[in-house]
N, C-alpha and C. Protein backbone atom coordinates (compact mmCIF):
# COMPACT_ATOMS: atom_id res chain seq x y z
N MET A 1 11.85 -13.03 8.28
CA MET A 1 12.88 -12.00 8.15
C MET A 1 12.31 -10.76 7.45
N LYS A 2 11.45 -10.98 6.45
CA LYS A 2 10.85 -9.88 5.70
C LYS A 2 10.02 -8.99 6.62
N HIS A 3 9.21 -9.63 7.48
CA HIS A 3 8.37 -8.87 8.41
C HIS A 3 9.21 -8.15 9.45
N LEU A 4 10.32 -8.79 9.88
CA LEU A 4 11.21 -8.19 10.88
C LEU A 4 11.84 -6.92 10.30
N ASN A 5 12.28 -7.00 9.06
CA ASN A 5 12.89 -5.82 8.41
C ASN A 5 11.89 -4.68 8.30
N PHE A 6 10.64 -5.03 8.01
CA PHE A 6 9.61 -3.99 7.88
C PHE A 6 9.37 -3.30 9.22
N LEU A 7 9.32 -4.11 10.31
CA LEU A 7 9.11 -3.53 11.64
C LEU A 7 10.28 -2.65 12.05
N LEU A 8 11.49 -3.07 11.67
CA LEU A 8 12.67 -2.25 11.97
C LEU A 8 12.59 -0.92 11.24
N LEU A 9 12.07 -0.94 10.01
CA LEU A 9 11.91 0.29 9.24
C LEU A 9 10.95 1.24 9.92
N ILE A 10 9.86 0.70 10.45
CA ILE A 10 8.87 1.52 11.17
C ILE A 10 9.49 2.16 12.40
N VAL A 11 10.31 1.39 13.12
CA VAL A 11 10.96 1.91 14.34
C VAL A 11 11.90 3.06 13.99
N VAL A 12 12.60 2.94 12.86
CA VAL A 12 13.51 3.99 12.43
C VAL A 12 12.74 5.25 12.06
N LEU A 13 11.63 5.07 11.33
CA LEU A 13 10.85 6.21 10.87
C LEU A 13 10.11 6.91 12.00
N PHE A 14 9.69 6.15 13.01
CA PHE A 14 8.92 6.71 14.11
C PHE A 14 9.55 6.34 15.44
N PRO A 15 9.98 7.32 16.24
CA PRO A 15 10.62 7.08 17.52
C PRO A 15 9.79 6.18 18.43
N VAL A 16 10.47 5.50 19.35
CA VAL A 16 9.79 4.57 20.26
C VAL A 16 8.69 5.26 21.05
N SER A 17 8.89 6.51 21.43
CA SER A 17 7.89 7.25 22.20
C SER A 17 6.59 7.41 21.44
N GLN A 18 6.64 7.24 20.11
CA GLN A 18 5.45 7.41 19.30
C GLN A 18 4.77 6.09 18.98
N LEU A 19 5.44 4.98 19.28
CA LEU A 19 4.87 3.68 18.95
C LEU A 19 3.84 3.29 19.99
N SER A 20 2.58 3.45 19.67
CA SER A 20 1.49 3.15 20.58
C SER A 20 0.48 2.29 19.87
N ALA A 21 -0.74 2.26 20.41
CA ALA A 21 -1.79 1.46 19.79
C ALA A 21 -2.01 1.86 18.34
N GLN A 22 -1.88 3.17 18.08
CA GLN A 22 -2.13 3.62 16.72
C GLN A 22 -1.08 3.10 15.75
N SER A 23 0.17 3.01 16.22
CA SER A 23 1.23 2.60 15.31
C SER A 23 1.01 1.18 14.81
N LYS A 24 0.34 0.36 15.59
CA LYS A 24 0.02 -1.00 15.15
C LYS A 24 -0.85 -0.96 13.90
N HIS A 25 -1.86 -0.12 13.93
CA HIS A 25 -2.75 0.01 12.78
C HIS A 25 -2.04 0.74 11.64
N PHE A 26 -1.23 1.74 12.00
CA PHE A 26 -0.49 2.49 10.98
C PHE A 26 0.49 1.57 10.24
N ALA A 27 1.20 0.75 11.02
CA ALA A 27 2.16 -0.18 10.43
C ALA A 27 1.47 -1.16 9.49
N LYS A 28 0.29 -1.61 9.89
CA LYS A 28 -0.46 -2.53 9.04
C LYS A 28 -0.91 -1.82 7.76
N ALA A 29 -1.36 -0.59 7.90
CA ALA A 29 -1.79 0.19 6.74
C ALA A 29 -0.61 0.41 5.78
N GLN A 30 0.55 0.71 6.35
CA GLN A 30 1.75 0.93 5.54
C GLN A 30 2.13 -0.34 4.79
N LYS A 31 2.06 -1.46 5.48
CA LYS A 31 2.42 -2.75 4.88
C LYS A 31 1.46 -3.10 3.74
N CYS A 32 0.16 -2.92 3.99
CA CYS A 32 -0.85 -3.22 2.97
C CYS A 32 -0.69 -2.29 1.76
N TYR A 33 -0.35 -1.04 2.04
CA TYR A 33 -0.16 -0.07 0.94
C TYR A 33 1.01 -0.50 0.06
N ILE A 34 2.12 -0.88 0.68
CA ILE A 34 3.30 -1.31 -0.06
C ILE A 34 3.00 -2.55 -0.90
N GLU A 35 2.15 -3.40 -0.36
CA GLU A 35 1.79 -4.64 -1.07
C GLU A 35 0.67 -4.42 -2.09
N GLY A 36 0.16 -3.19 -2.15
CA GLY A 36 -0.89 -2.89 -3.11
C GLY A 36 -2.28 -3.32 -2.67
N LYS A 37 -2.43 -3.60 -1.37
CA LYS A 37 -3.74 -4.00 -0.83
C LYS A 37 -4.41 -2.74 -0.27
N TYR A 38 -4.88 -1.88 -1.16
CA TYR A 38 -5.32 -0.55 -0.79
C TYR A 38 -6.59 -0.52 0.07
N SER A 39 -7.52 -1.40 -0.22
CA SER A 39 -8.76 -1.43 0.57
C SER A 39 -8.47 -1.83 2.01
N LYS A 40 -7.61 -2.81 2.20
CA LYS A 40 -7.22 -3.23 3.55
C LYS A 40 -6.44 -2.12 4.24
N ALA A 41 -5.61 -1.45 3.49
CA ALA A 41 -4.81 -0.34 4.05
C ALA A 41 -5.72 0.76 4.56
N LEU A 42 -6.78 1.05 3.80
CA LEU A 42 -7.70 2.11 4.18
C LEU A 42 -8.45 1.76 5.47
N LYS A 43 -8.80 0.49 5.63
CA LYS A 43 -9.47 0.05 6.86
C LYS A 43 -8.57 0.25 8.07
N SER A 44 -7.29 -0.04 7.91
CA SER A 44 -6.34 0.15 9.02
C SER A 44 -6.14 1.62 9.34
N ILE A 45 -6.18 2.46 8.31
CA ILE A 45 -6.07 3.91 8.52
C ILE A 45 -7.26 4.40 9.35
N SER A 46 -8.44 3.90 9.03
CA SER A 46 -9.66 4.29 9.76
C SER A 46 -9.54 3.92 11.23
N LYS A 47 -8.99 2.75 11.50
CA LYS A 47 -8.81 2.30 12.89
C LYS A 47 -7.75 3.15 13.58
N ALA A 48 -6.71 3.50 12.85
CA ALA A 48 -5.63 4.31 13.42
C ALA A 48 -6.14 5.69 13.85
N LYS A 49 -7.09 6.23 13.10
CA LYS A 49 -7.66 7.53 13.43
C LYS A 49 -8.41 7.52 14.75
N GLU A 50 -8.94 6.36 15.10
CA GLU A 50 -9.74 6.25 16.32
C GLU A 50 -8.87 6.14 17.57
N ASP A 51 -7.62 5.77 17.40
CA ASP A 51 -6.72 5.60 18.54
C ASP A 51 -6.09 6.91 18.97
N LYS A 52 -5.94 7.07 20.27
CA LYS A 52 -5.25 8.25 20.78
C LYS A 52 -3.76 7.91 20.84
N SER A 53 -2.98 8.73 20.17
CA SER A 53 -1.57 8.42 20.07
C SER A 53 -0.73 9.68 19.92
N LEU A 54 0.55 9.52 20.17
CA LEU A 54 1.48 10.62 19.95
C LEU A 54 2.00 10.66 18.53
N MET A 55 1.62 9.65 17.74
CA MET A 55 2.11 9.60 16.36
C MET A 55 1.67 10.83 15.58
N SER A 56 2.54 11.26 14.71
CA SER A 56 2.25 12.43 13.88
C SER A 56 1.03 12.18 13.01
N LYS A 57 0.03 13.01 13.16
CA LYS A 57 -1.18 12.89 12.34
C LYS A 57 -0.89 13.24 10.89
N SER A 58 0.13 14.03 10.66
CA SER A 58 0.46 14.42 9.29
C SER A 58 0.86 13.20 8.46
N ASN A 59 1.65 12.30 9.05
CA ASN A 59 2.05 11.08 8.34
C ASN A 59 0.86 10.16 8.11
N LEU A 60 -0.06 10.18 9.05
CA LEU A 60 -1.26 9.35 8.94
C LEU A 60 -2.11 9.78 7.74
N TYR A 61 -2.36 11.09 7.64
CA TYR A 61 -3.18 11.59 6.53
C TYR A 61 -2.43 11.55 5.20
N LEU A 62 -1.11 11.66 5.26
CA LEU A 62 -0.32 11.55 4.03
C LEU A 62 -0.45 10.14 3.45
N LEU A 63 -0.36 9.14 4.33
CA LEU A 63 -0.52 7.76 3.88
C LEU A 63 -1.93 7.53 3.35
N GLU A 64 -2.92 8.12 4.01
CA GLU A 64 -4.30 7.99 3.55
C GLU A 64 -4.45 8.55 2.12
N ALA A 65 -3.83 9.69 1.86
CA ALA A 65 -3.89 10.30 0.53
C ALA A 65 -3.27 9.38 -0.51
N LYS A 66 -2.14 8.76 -0.16
CA LYS A 66 -1.47 7.84 -1.09
C LYS A 66 -2.32 6.61 -1.36
N ILE A 67 -3.01 6.15 -0.33
CA ILE A 67 -3.89 4.98 -0.48
C ILE A 67 -5.03 5.29 -1.44
N TYR A 68 -5.62 6.48 -1.29
CA TYR A 68 -6.72 6.86 -2.19
C TYR A 68 -6.24 6.95 -3.64
N LEU A 69 -5.03 7.42 -3.84
CA LEU A 69 -4.50 7.46 -5.21
C LEU A 69 -4.25 6.06 -5.73
N GLY A 70 -3.86 5.16 -4.82
CA GLY A 70 -3.69 3.76 -5.20
C GLY A 70 -5.01 3.15 -5.62
N LEU A 71 -6.05 3.42 -4.86
CA LEU A 71 -7.38 2.93 -5.20
C LEU A 71 -7.85 3.50 -6.54
N ASN A 72 -7.49 4.77 -6.77
CA ASN A 72 -7.90 5.42 -8.02
C ASN A 72 -7.22 4.79 -9.23
N LYS A 73 -6.01 4.29 -9.06
CA LYS A 73 -5.32 3.60 -10.16
C LYS A 73 -6.04 2.30 -10.51
N GLU A 74 -6.54 1.63 -9.49
CA GLU A 74 -7.25 0.37 -9.72
C GLU A 74 -8.61 0.60 -10.35
N GLU A 75 -9.29 1.62 -9.84
CA GLU A 75 -10.64 1.92 -10.32
C GLU A 75 -10.83 3.43 -10.31
N PRO A 76 -10.52 4.11 -11.42
CA PRO A 76 -10.61 5.57 -11.48
C PRO A 76 -11.95 6.09 -10.99
N SER A 77 -11.87 7.02 -10.04
CA SER A 77 -13.09 7.58 -9.44
C SER A 77 -12.82 9.00 -8.97
N GLU A 78 -13.73 9.90 -9.29
CA GLU A 78 -13.59 11.28 -8.84
C GLU A 78 -13.62 11.37 -7.32
N ASP A 79 -14.37 10.46 -6.71
CA ASP A 79 -14.46 10.43 -5.26
C ASP A 79 -13.10 10.12 -4.63
N PHE A 80 -12.37 9.18 -5.21
CA PHE A 80 -11.04 8.83 -4.69
C PHE A 80 -10.06 10.00 -4.81
N THR A 81 -10.07 10.67 -5.96
CA THR A 81 -9.13 11.78 -6.15
C THR A 81 -9.46 12.95 -5.22
N LYS A 82 -10.76 13.20 -5.02
CA LYS A 82 -11.16 14.28 -4.11
C LYS A 82 -10.69 13.98 -2.69
N LYS A 83 -10.89 12.73 -2.27
CA LYS A 83 -10.49 12.34 -0.91
C LYS A 83 -8.97 12.36 -0.77
N ALA A 84 -8.26 12.03 -1.84
CA ALA A 84 -6.80 12.07 -1.81
C ALA A 84 -6.31 13.50 -1.60
N VAL A 85 -6.90 14.43 -2.32
CA VAL A 85 -6.52 15.84 -2.20
C VAL A 85 -6.82 16.37 -0.80
N LYS A 86 -8.02 16.05 -0.30
CA LYS A 86 -8.41 16.50 1.04
C LYS A 86 -7.47 15.95 2.11
N ALA A 87 -7.13 14.67 1.99
CA ALA A 87 -6.23 14.05 2.97
C ALA A 87 -4.84 14.66 2.89
N ALA A 88 -4.38 14.96 1.68
CA ALA A 88 -3.05 15.56 1.51
C ALA A 88 -2.99 16.95 2.14
N ILE A 89 -4.05 17.73 1.95
CA ILE A 89 -4.10 19.07 2.55
C ILE A 89 -4.15 18.96 4.07
N LYS A 90 -4.94 18.01 4.56
CA LYS A 90 -5.04 17.82 6.02
C LYS A 90 -3.70 17.39 6.60
N ALA A 91 -2.97 16.58 5.84
CA ALA A 91 -1.64 16.13 6.29
C ALA A 91 -0.72 17.32 6.51
N SER A 92 -0.73 18.26 5.57
CA SER A 92 0.13 19.43 5.70
C SER A 92 -0.33 20.32 6.85
N GLU A 93 -1.65 20.43 7.02
CA GLU A 93 -2.20 21.26 8.10
C GLU A 93 -1.86 20.69 9.48
N LYS A 94 -1.77 19.37 9.57
CA LYS A 94 -1.48 18.72 10.85
C LYS A 94 0.01 18.77 11.21
N SER A 95 0.84 19.12 10.23
CA SER A 95 2.27 19.18 10.50
C SER A 95 2.62 20.47 11.24
N SER A 96 3.77 20.48 11.88
CA SER A 96 4.19 21.66 12.62
C SER A 96 4.62 22.80 11.68
N ASN A 97 5.03 22.42 10.47
CA ASN A 97 5.46 23.40 9.47
C ASN A 97 4.94 22.95 8.10
N PRO A 98 3.73 23.40 7.72
CA PRO A 98 3.12 22.97 6.46
C PRO A 98 4.00 23.16 5.23
N GLU A 99 4.65 24.31 5.10
CA GLU A 99 5.48 24.58 3.93
C GLU A 99 6.64 23.59 3.84
N SER A 100 7.26 23.33 4.98
CA SER A 100 8.37 22.38 5.03
C SER A 100 7.89 20.96 4.73
N PHE A 101 6.70 20.63 5.23
CA PHE A 101 6.14 19.30 5.02
C PHE A 101 5.86 19.06 3.53
N ILE A 102 5.28 20.07 2.88
CA ILE A 102 4.99 19.95 1.45
C ILE A 102 6.29 19.86 0.65
N ALA A 103 7.29 20.65 1.05
CA ALA A 103 8.59 20.61 0.37
C ALA A 103 9.26 19.25 0.52
N LYS A 104 9.11 18.66 1.69
CA LYS A 104 9.70 17.35 1.97
C LYS A 104 9.06 16.27 1.10
N ASN A 105 7.78 16.44 0.81
CA ASN A 105 7.04 15.48 -0.02
C ASN A 105 6.69 16.12 -1.36
N LYS A 106 7.66 16.83 -1.91
CA LYS A 106 7.45 17.68 -3.08
C LYS A 106 6.82 16.96 -4.27
N GLU A 107 7.35 15.81 -4.65
CA GLU A 107 6.86 15.10 -5.84
C GLU A 107 5.43 14.64 -5.66
N PHE A 108 5.11 14.16 -4.46
CA PHE A 108 3.75 13.71 -4.19
C PHE A 108 2.77 14.87 -4.26
N TYR A 109 3.15 15.99 -3.67
CA TYR A 109 2.26 17.15 -3.67
C TYR A 109 2.12 17.77 -5.06
N LYS A 110 3.11 17.57 -5.91
CA LYS A 110 2.99 18.01 -7.30
C LYS A 110 1.86 17.25 -7.99
N SER A 111 1.82 15.95 -7.75
CA SER A 111 0.77 15.13 -8.37
C SER A 111 -0.60 15.48 -7.80
N ILE A 112 -0.65 15.77 -6.50
CA ILE A 112 -1.90 16.16 -5.87
C ILE A 112 -2.38 17.50 -6.42
N ALA A 113 -1.47 18.44 -6.55
CA ALA A 113 -1.82 19.77 -7.07
C ALA A 113 -2.31 19.66 -8.51
N SER A 114 -1.68 18.80 -9.29
CA SER A 114 -2.07 18.61 -10.69
C SER A 114 -3.49 18.05 -10.80
N ILE A 115 -3.80 17.07 -9.96
CA ILE A 115 -5.15 16.47 -9.94
C ILE A 115 -6.19 17.51 -9.56
N ASN A 116 -5.88 18.27 -8.53
CA ASN A 116 -6.82 19.27 -8.03
C ASN A 116 -7.06 20.37 -9.07
N PHE A 117 -5.97 20.83 -9.71
CA PHE A 117 -6.09 21.90 -10.70
C PHE A 117 -6.89 21.43 -11.92
N LYS A 118 -6.68 20.20 -12.32
CA LYS A 118 -7.41 19.64 -13.47
C LYS A 118 -8.91 19.61 -13.17
N ASP A 119 -9.26 19.22 -11.95
CA ASP A 119 -10.68 19.20 -11.54
C ASP A 119 -11.25 20.61 -11.50
N ALA A 120 -10.44 21.55 -11.01
CA ALA A 120 -10.88 22.95 -10.93
C ALA A 120 -11.16 23.51 -12.33
N MET A 121 -10.28 23.20 -13.28
CA MET A 121 -10.45 23.69 -14.64
C MET A 121 -11.69 23.07 -15.31
N ARG A 122 -11.98 21.84 -14.96
CA ARG A 122 -13.17 21.21 -15.52
C ARG A 122 -14.43 21.96 -15.10
N TYR A 123 -14.51 22.29 -13.82
CA TYR A 123 -15.66 23.05 -13.31
C TYR A 123 -15.68 24.46 -13.90
N TYR A 124 -14.49 25.06 -14.04
CA TYR A 124 -14.38 26.41 -14.59
C TYR A 124 -14.90 26.43 -16.03
N ASN A 125 -14.49 25.47 -16.83
CA ASN A 125 -14.92 25.41 -18.23
C ASN A 125 -16.40 25.09 -18.37
N GLN A 126 -16.96 24.46 -17.34
CA GLN A 126 -18.40 24.17 -17.33
C GLN A 126 -19.20 25.34 -16.76
N LYS A 127 -18.49 26.41 -16.40
CA LYS A 127 -19.08 27.61 -15.80
C LYS A 127 -19.73 27.32 -14.45
N ARG A 128 -19.20 26.30 -13.78
CA ARG A 128 -19.66 25.98 -12.42
C ARG A 128 -18.66 26.64 -11.46
N TYR A 129 -18.76 27.95 -11.38
CA TYR A 129 -17.74 28.75 -10.72
C TYR A 129 -17.64 28.53 -9.21
N SER A 130 -18.75 28.20 -8.58
CA SER A 130 -18.70 27.94 -7.14
C SER A 130 -17.79 26.76 -6.83
N LYS A 131 -17.94 25.68 -7.62
CA LYS A 131 -17.11 24.49 -7.46
C LYS A 131 -15.65 24.82 -7.81
N ALA A 132 -15.47 25.57 -8.90
CA ALA A 132 -14.13 25.92 -9.35
C ALA A 132 -13.40 26.74 -8.28
N ILE A 133 -14.11 27.67 -7.66
CA ILE A 133 -13.52 28.51 -6.62
C ILE A 133 -12.98 27.67 -5.47
N THR A 134 -13.77 26.71 -5.03
CA THR A 134 -13.35 25.83 -3.92
C THR A 134 -12.05 25.12 -4.26
N LEU A 135 -11.95 24.61 -5.49
CA LEU A 135 -10.77 23.86 -5.89
C LEU A 135 -9.57 24.76 -6.18
N PHE A 136 -9.81 25.95 -6.74
CA PHE A 136 -8.70 26.89 -6.95
C PHE A 136 -8.12 27.34 -5.60
N LYS A 137 -8.98 27.49 -4.61
CA LYS A 137 -8.51 27.85 -3.27
C LYS A 137 -7.64 26.73 -2.71
N ARG A 138 -8.04 25.50 -2.96
CA ARG A 138 -7.22 24.36 -2.52
C ARG A 138 -5.87 24.37 -3.23
N SER A 139 -5.88 24.70 -4.51
CA SER A 139 -4.62 24.76 -5.26
C SER A 139 -3.67 25.79 -4.65
N MET A 140 -4.23 26.90 -4.20
CA MET A 140 -3.42 27.94 -3.57
C MET A 140 -2.83 27.44 -2.24
N GLU A 141 -3.57 26.58 -1.56
CA GLU A 141 -3.06 26.00 -0.32
C GLU A 141 -1.91 25.05 -0.60
N LEU A 142 -1.98 24.35 -1.72
CA LEU A 142 -0.94 23.39 -2.09
C LEU A 142 0.31 24.08 -2.63
N GLY A 143 0.15 25.31 -3.07
CA GLY A 143 1.30 26.06 -3.58
C GLY A 143 0.83 27.27 -4.35
N GLU A 144 1.13 28.46 -3.86
CA GLU A 144 0.65 29.68 -4.51
C GLU A 144 1.23 29.81 -5.91
N ASP A 145 0.38 30.24 -6.82
CA ASP A 145 0.77 30.35 -8.22
C ASP A 145 -0.01 31.50 -8.84
N SER A 146 0.66 32.35 -9.62
CA SER A 146 0.01 33.54 -10.16
C SER A 146 -1.15 33.20 -11.11
N PHE A 147 -0.99 32.16 -11.92
CA PHE A 147 -2.04 31.78 -12.85
C PHE A 147 -3.27 31.28 -12.10
N THR A 148 -3.04 30.51 -11.04
CA THR A 148 -4.16 30.01 -10.22
C THR A 148 -4.85 31.17 -9.52
N ALA A 149 -4.07 32.13 -9.03
CA ALA A 149 -4.65 33.30 -8.37
C ALA A 149 -5.52 34.09 -9.35
N TYR A 150 -5.05 34.22 -10.59
CA TYR A 150 -5.81 34.91 -11.63
C TYR A 150 -7.14 34.19 -11.89
N LEU A 151 -7.10 32.88 -12.01
CA LEU A 151 -8.32 32.11 -12.25
C LEU A 151 -9.27 32.16 -11.04
N LEU A 152 -8.70 32.19 -9.84
CA LEU A 152 -9.52 32.30 -8.64
C LEU A 152 -10.24 33.64 -8.60
N GLY A 153 -9.49 34.72 -8.83
CA GLY A 153 -10.09 36.05 -8.84
C GLY A 153 -11.14 36.20 -9.92
N LYS A 154 -10.83 35.69 -11.11
CA LYS A 154 -11.77 35.78 -12.23
C LYS A 154 -13.02 34.95 -11.95
N SER A 155 -12.85 33.78 -11.35
CA SER A 155 -14.00 32.93 -11.03
C SER A 155 -14.94 33.62 -10.04
N TYR A 156 -14.36 34.29 -9.06
CA TYR A 156 -15.19 35.05 -8.10
C TYR A 156 -16.02 36.10 -8.84
N ILE A 157 -15.39 36.81 -9.76
CA ILE A 157 -16.09 37.87 -10.49
C ILE A 157 -17.18 37.29 -11.39
N LEU A 158 -16.85 36.20 -12.08
CA LEU A 158 -17.85 35.54 -12.92
C LEU A 158 -19.00 34.96 -12.09
N TYR A 159 -18.71 34.72 -10.82
CA TYR A 159 -19.73 34.22 -9.89
C TYR A 159 -20.45 35.39 -9.21
N ASN A 160 -20.12 36.62 -9.66
CA ASN A 160 -20.71 37.86 -9.12
C ASN A 160 -20.33 38.13 -7.67
N ASP A 161 -19.20 37.59 -7.26
CA ASP A 161 -18.70 37.88 -5.91
C ASP A 161 -17.51 38.84 -6.06
N TYR A 162 -17.83 40.12 -6.32
CA TYR A 162 -16.80 41.13 -6.57
C TYR A 162 -15.99 41.44 -5.31
N ARG A 163 -16.63 41.33 -4.18
CA ARG A 163 -15.96 41.67 -2.92
C ARG A 163 -14.73 40.80 -2.69
N ARG A 164 -14.81 39.53 -3.09
CA ARG A 164 -13.66 38.63 -2.93
C ARG A 164 -12.76 38.62 -4.16
N GLY A 165 -13.37 38.76 -5.34
CA GLY A 165 -12.58 38.66 -6.56
C GLY A 165 -11.71 39.86 -6.87
N MET A 166 -12.23 41.06 -6.64
CA MET A 166 -11.50 42.28 -7.00
C MET A 166 -10.18 42.44 -6.24
N PRO A 167 -10.15 42.23 -4.93
CA PRO A 167 -8.87 42.37 -4.23
C PRO A 167 -7.80 41.40 -4.72
N ILE A 168 -8.22 40.18 -5.09
CA ILE A 168 -7.26 39.20 -5.59
C ILE A 168 -6.64 39.68 -6.90
N LEU A 169 -7.48 40.13 -7.83
CA LEU A 169 -6.98 40.62 -9.11
C LEU A 169 -6.20 41.92 -8.95
N ASP A 170 -6.66 42.77 -8.05
CA ASP A 170 -5.98 44.05 -7.80
C ASP A 170 -4.53 43.81 -7.39
N GLU A 171 -4.34 42.96 -6.40
CA GLU A 171 -2.99 42.67 -5.91
C GLU A 171 -2.16 41.95 -6.97
N LEU A 172 -2.76 40.97 -7.63
CA LEU A 172 -2.04 40.18 -8.62
C LEU A 172 -1.61 41.02 -9.82
N LEU A 173 -2.54 41.81 -10.36
CA LEU A 173 -2.23 42.61 -11.55
C LEU A 173 -1.22 43.71 -11.25
N SER A 174 -1.31 44.29 -10.07
CA SER A 174 -0.33 45.31 -9.67
C SER A 174 1.07 44.71 -9.62
N GLN A 175 1.15 43.52 -9.06
CA GLN A 175 2.44 42.83 -8.95
C GLN A 175 2.99 42.46 -10.33
N GLN A 176 2.13 41.89 -11.16
CA GLN A 176 2.56 41.46 -12.50
C GLN A 176 2.93 42.65 -13.39
N TYR A 177 2.19 43.75 -13.25
CA TYR A 177 2.49 44.94 -14.04
C TYR A 177 3.83 45.54 -13.63
N GLN A 178 4.11 45.51 -12.34
CA GLN A 178 5.39 46.01 -11.84
C GLN A 178 6.53 45.14 -12.37
N ASN A 179 6.29 43.82 -12.41
CA ASN A 179 7.30 42.91 -12.97
C ASN A 179 7.54 43.21 -14.44
N PHE A 180 6.47 43.55 -15.14
CA PHE A 180 6.57 43.87 -16.56
C PHE A 180 7.40 45.14 -16.78
N LEU A 181 7.19 46.15 -15.94
CA LEU A 181 7.95 47.39 -16.05
C LEU A 181 9.43 47.16 -15.78
N ASN A 182 9.71 46.22 -14.87
CA ASN A 182 11.10 45.96 -14.48
C ASN A 182 11.84 45.05 -15.46
N SER A 183 11.09 44.12 -16.08
CA SER A 183 11.78 43.12 -16.91
C SER A 183 11.17 42.92 -18.29
N SER A 184 10.05 43.58 -18.56
CA SER A 184 9.31 43.41 -19.83
C SER A 184 8.70 42.02 -19.98
N ALA A 185 8.82 41.21 -18.94
CA ALA A 185 8.21 39.88 -18.96
C ALA A 185 6.77 39.98 -18.49
N LYS A 186 5.89 39.29 -19.18
CA LYS A 186 4.49 39.32 -18.77
C LYS A 186 3.85 37.96 -19.01
N PRO A 187 3.01 37.52 -18.09
CA PRO A 187 2.32 36.24 -18.27
C PRO A 187 1.22 36.36 -19.32
N ASP A 188 0.84 35.26 -19.90
CA ASP A 188 -0.18 35.26 -20.95
C ASP A 188 -1.53 35.80 -20.48
N PHE A 189 -1.79 35.64 -19.19
CA PHE A 189 -3.11 36.04 -18.67
C PHE A 189 -3.20 37.53 -18.35
N LEU A 190 -2.09 38.27 -18.46
CA LEU A 190 -2.08 39.65 -17.99
C LEU A 190 -3.12 40.53 -18.70
N ALA A 191 -3.18 40.45 -20.03
CA ALA A 191 -4.12 41.28 -20.79
C ALA A 191 -5.56 40.95 -20.42
N ASP A 192 -5.88 39.67 -20.37
CA ASP A 192 -7.25 39.27 -20.02
C ASP A 192 -7.57 39.68 -18.59
N GLY A 193 -6.58 39.55 -17.72
CA GLY A 193 -6.78 39.93 -16.33
C GLY A 193 -7.15 41.41 -16.19
N PHE A 194 -6.44 42.27 -16.93
CA PHE A 194 -6.75 43.70 -16.92
C PHE A 194 -8.15 43.96 -17.48
N ASN A 195 -8.52 43.24 -18.55
CA ASN A 195 -9.85 43.42 -19.14
C ASN A 195 -10.95 43.02 -18.16
N VAL A 196 -10.76 41.90 -17.51
CA VAL A 196 -11.75 41.44 -16.53
C VAL A 196 -11.87 42.44 -15.39
N TYR A 197 -10.71 42.91 -14.93
CA TYR A 197 -10.68 43.83 -13.80
C TYR A 197 -11.34 45.17 -14.14
N THR A 198 -10.96 45.75 -15.29
CA THR A 198 -11.52 47.06 -15.67
C THR A 198 -13.02 46.95 -16.02
N ASP A 199 -13.41 45.87 -16.66
CA ASP A 199 -14.83 45.66 -16.97
C ASP A 199 -15.64 45.59 -15.68
N ALA A 200 -15.07 44.94 -14.67
CA ALA A 200 -15.75 44.83 -13.38
C ALA A 200 -15.87 46.20 -12.72
N LEU A 201 -14.80 47.01 -12.84
CA LEU A 201 -14.84 48.36 -12.27
C LEU A 201 -15.93 49.20 -12.94
N VAL A 202 -16.01 49.13 -14.26
CA VAL A 202 -17.03 49.87 -15.00
C VAL A 202 -18.42 49.39 -14.61
N LEU A 203 -18.58 48.09 -14.55
CA LEU A 203 -19.87 47.50 -14.18
C LEU A 203 -20.34 47.94 -12.81
N LYS A 204 -19.36 48.08 -11.91
CA LYS A 204 -19.70 48.50 -10.54
C LYS A 204 -19.79 50.00 -10.39
N GLY A 205 -19.51 50.74 -11.51
CA GLY A 205 -19.70 52.19 -11.46
C GLY A 205 -18.45 52.98 -11.17
N PHE A 206 -17.27 52.31 -11.10
CA PHE A 206 -16.05 53.02 -10.79
C PHE A 206 -15.30 53.39 -12.07
N THR A 207 -15.90 54.23 -12.89
CA THR A 207 -15.31 54.56 -14.20
C THR A 207 -13.98 55.29 -14.06
N ASP A 208 -13.84 56.14 -13.05
CA ASP A 208 -12.59 56.87 -12.88
C ASP A 208 -11.43 55.89 -12.60
N SER A 209 -11.72 54.87 -11.78
CA SER A 209 -10.69 53.90 -11.43
C SER A 209 -10.27 53.11 -12.64
N SER A 210 -11.23 52.75 -13.51
CA SER A 210 -10.88 51.95 -14.69
C SER A 210 -10.02 52.76 -15.65
N GLU A 211 -10.24 54.05 -15.74
CA GLU A 211 -9.39 54.90 -16.57
C GLU A 211 -7.99 54.98 -16.01
C-alpha cells in the first residue's frame, strides 16, 4: 500500500503524457531521496538524464540539487555544495519561467543562495577575486541583490577588470544615490562603493569624472 500511494503521488505530480522511461528512474530517485538513500538517489538521477523523455528537466535538476544537499548533510563537502548550487541554477534555466520557478521553490533557493554567497565571501576575503566573481554572478542569477552587485563590481575592479566592474558600480551607485535623495535611506556599502568607484576613475585618468 505504501508503494502504491507513492506511485499515485508521482502520477498526480507528473501528467501521464510525461510518464516515460525517464519517470521510472526519476520515481526511484525521488523514493530514495525521501528515504534518505542519497547515493542511490543520485545513481537514479544519472540514469534519468540519459533517457529521452517529455518530463520536465527542471524538476530533474531540482531533485539532483536536493540530493547533493542531502549528501552534504551526511558528509560535508565543498564539492557537494558546489554541485547542488549548479544543479539548482540549471533547474531554473530549464524551466519555462525561471523567475516563477525560483519563486515556487522559494525556501529551497534561499538555502542555495545562502550557500553560494558564503562560498563567494570566503574567496573574496582570501582575495581570490576570480573565484569570488564567478560565485557572485551565480548569486545574481539566484536573485538580484544590491549588496551582491556591489561586491561583484568591486571584485572586478580589485581583479583589475575595470571594463566589467565600472558599469556595475556606475549603475548601482546612481540608483542607490537617487534612493538616498528621495528617502535619506542608504545602504552601509554606499560610502565604500563611492570610494572604490572614484579611486578607480582617478587611477584610470578620469579626474574630471571623479570630481
